[in-house]
Every structure is written in structure tokens, then in C-alpha cells.
Amino acid sequence: MLQAGFVAVASDCDEPEDEVIALAQQVEDAMMLPFVLFADADGNYLDGYSGVVTPPYLIKKLTEFSGS
């Protein structure tokens, strides 16, 4: 599902890019790694979360943003 409909981007947490910081600051209650951010093709923030989540929660989010 990830490979078919999403582009994964990794960022160095010790020296993150300014664009990544701007997106991460929009995650409500962002307290821990990992951060998962959803953005559109123009880089606009759509949704996100921080910390570990269950596989069913991740699948729900991926389905929500893939239109499946």
C-alpha cells in the first residue's frame, strides 16, 4: 500500500530540513519519534501523528489518504 500510493521521505532528526520542521510543528501533541506526516503533492500539511501506532491505525490512515 505504501509503495503503490505514497512517496516516503526520511529526514535526519538531528539536522532536519526547514520544510520538515514546518510540517512537524503542525502535528498536535508531537512528543516523540517517529513522526508520520501526510502532505499533498505541493507539500501542504494534511495530517500527521507522532509515536508508534498499531498496524490497523496506520492502514486506516493510508486508506483515508489513498482514496481506497
Protein backbone atom coordinates (compact mmCIF):
# COMPACT_ATOMS: atom_id res chain seq x y z
CA MET A 1 0.00 0.00 0.00
CA LEU A 2 2.82 2.39 0.84
CA GLN A 3 4.78 1.64 -2.31
CA ALA A 4 1.74 1.85 -4.58
CA GLY A 5 0.29 5.15 -3.43
CA PHE A 6 2.77 7.14 -1.37
CA VAL A 7 6.22 8.65 -1.51
CA ALA A 8 8.17 8.01 1.68
CA VAL A 9 10.68 10.63 2.72
CA ALA A 10 13.14 10.27 5.58
CA SER A 11 14.65 13.21 7.38
CA ASP A 12 17.61 13.43 9.74
CA CYS A 13 16.18 14.27 13.14
CA ASP A 14 19.45 15.79 14.32
CA GLU A 15 19.57 18.23 11.41
CA PRO A 16 16.09 18.29 9.81
CA GLU A 17 15.29 20.39 6.77
CA ASP A 18 13.28 23.58 7.34
CA GLU A 19 10.34 22.13 5.37
CA VAL A 20 10.23 19.08 7.64
CA ILE A 21 10.29 21.26 10.76
CA ALA A 22 7.40 23.34 9.41
CA LEU A 23 5.32 20.20 8.76
CA ALA A 24 6.20 18.56 12.09
CA GLN A 25 5.19 21.67 14.02
CA GLN A 26 1.64 21.11 12.77
CA VAL A 27 1.36 17.69 14.44
CA GLU A 28 -0.75 18.17 17.54
CA ASP A 29 0.88 16.84 20.71
CA ALA A 30 4.06 15.88 18.86
CA MET A 31 6.13 14.46 21.68
CA MET A 32 8.15 11.55 20.30
CA LEU A 33 9.62 9.89 17.24
CA PRO A 34 8.66 8.69 14.77
CA PHE A 35 6.66 11.44 13.15
CA VAL A 36 4.41 10.39 10.29
CA LEU A 37 3.25 13.28 8.17
CA PHE A 38 0.85 13.31 5.26
CA ALA A 39 1.25 16.12 2.74
CA ASP A 40 -0.17 16.73 -0.71
CA ALA A 41 1.88 16.92 -3.90
CA ASP A 42 2.59 20.61 -3.20
CA GLY A 43 3.95 19.89 0.29
CA ASN A 44 0.90 21.21 2.15
CA TYR A 45 0.24 19.52 5.50
CA LEU A 46 -2.80 17.23 5.55
CA ASP A 47 -2.47 15.20 8.76
CA GLY A 48 0.09 13.53 10.97
CA TYR A 49 0.88 11.82 14.22
CA SER A 50 3.85 11.05 16.42
CA GLY A 51 4.88 7.91 18.22
CA VAL A 52 4.26 4.29 17.46
CA VAL A 53 0.80 3.25 16.29
CA THR A 54 -0.86 -0.08 15.64
CA PRO A 55 -0.91 -1.54 12.13
CA PRO A 56 -4.72 -1.17 11.88
CA TYR A 57 -4.43 2.57 12.66
CA LEU A 58 -1.73 3.04 10.00
CA ILE A 59 -3.78 1.11 7.43
CA LYS A 60 -6.80 3.30 8.25
CA LYS A 61 -4.75 6.47 7.66
CA LEU A 62 -3.22 5.15 4.44
CA THR A 63 -6.67 4.18 3.16
CA GLU A 64 -8.02 7.62 4.08
CA PHE A 65 -5.36 9.40 2.04
CA SER A 66 -5.18 6.97 -0.86
CA GLY A 67 -8.89 7.23 -1.62
CA SER A 68 -9.25 3.44 -1.42
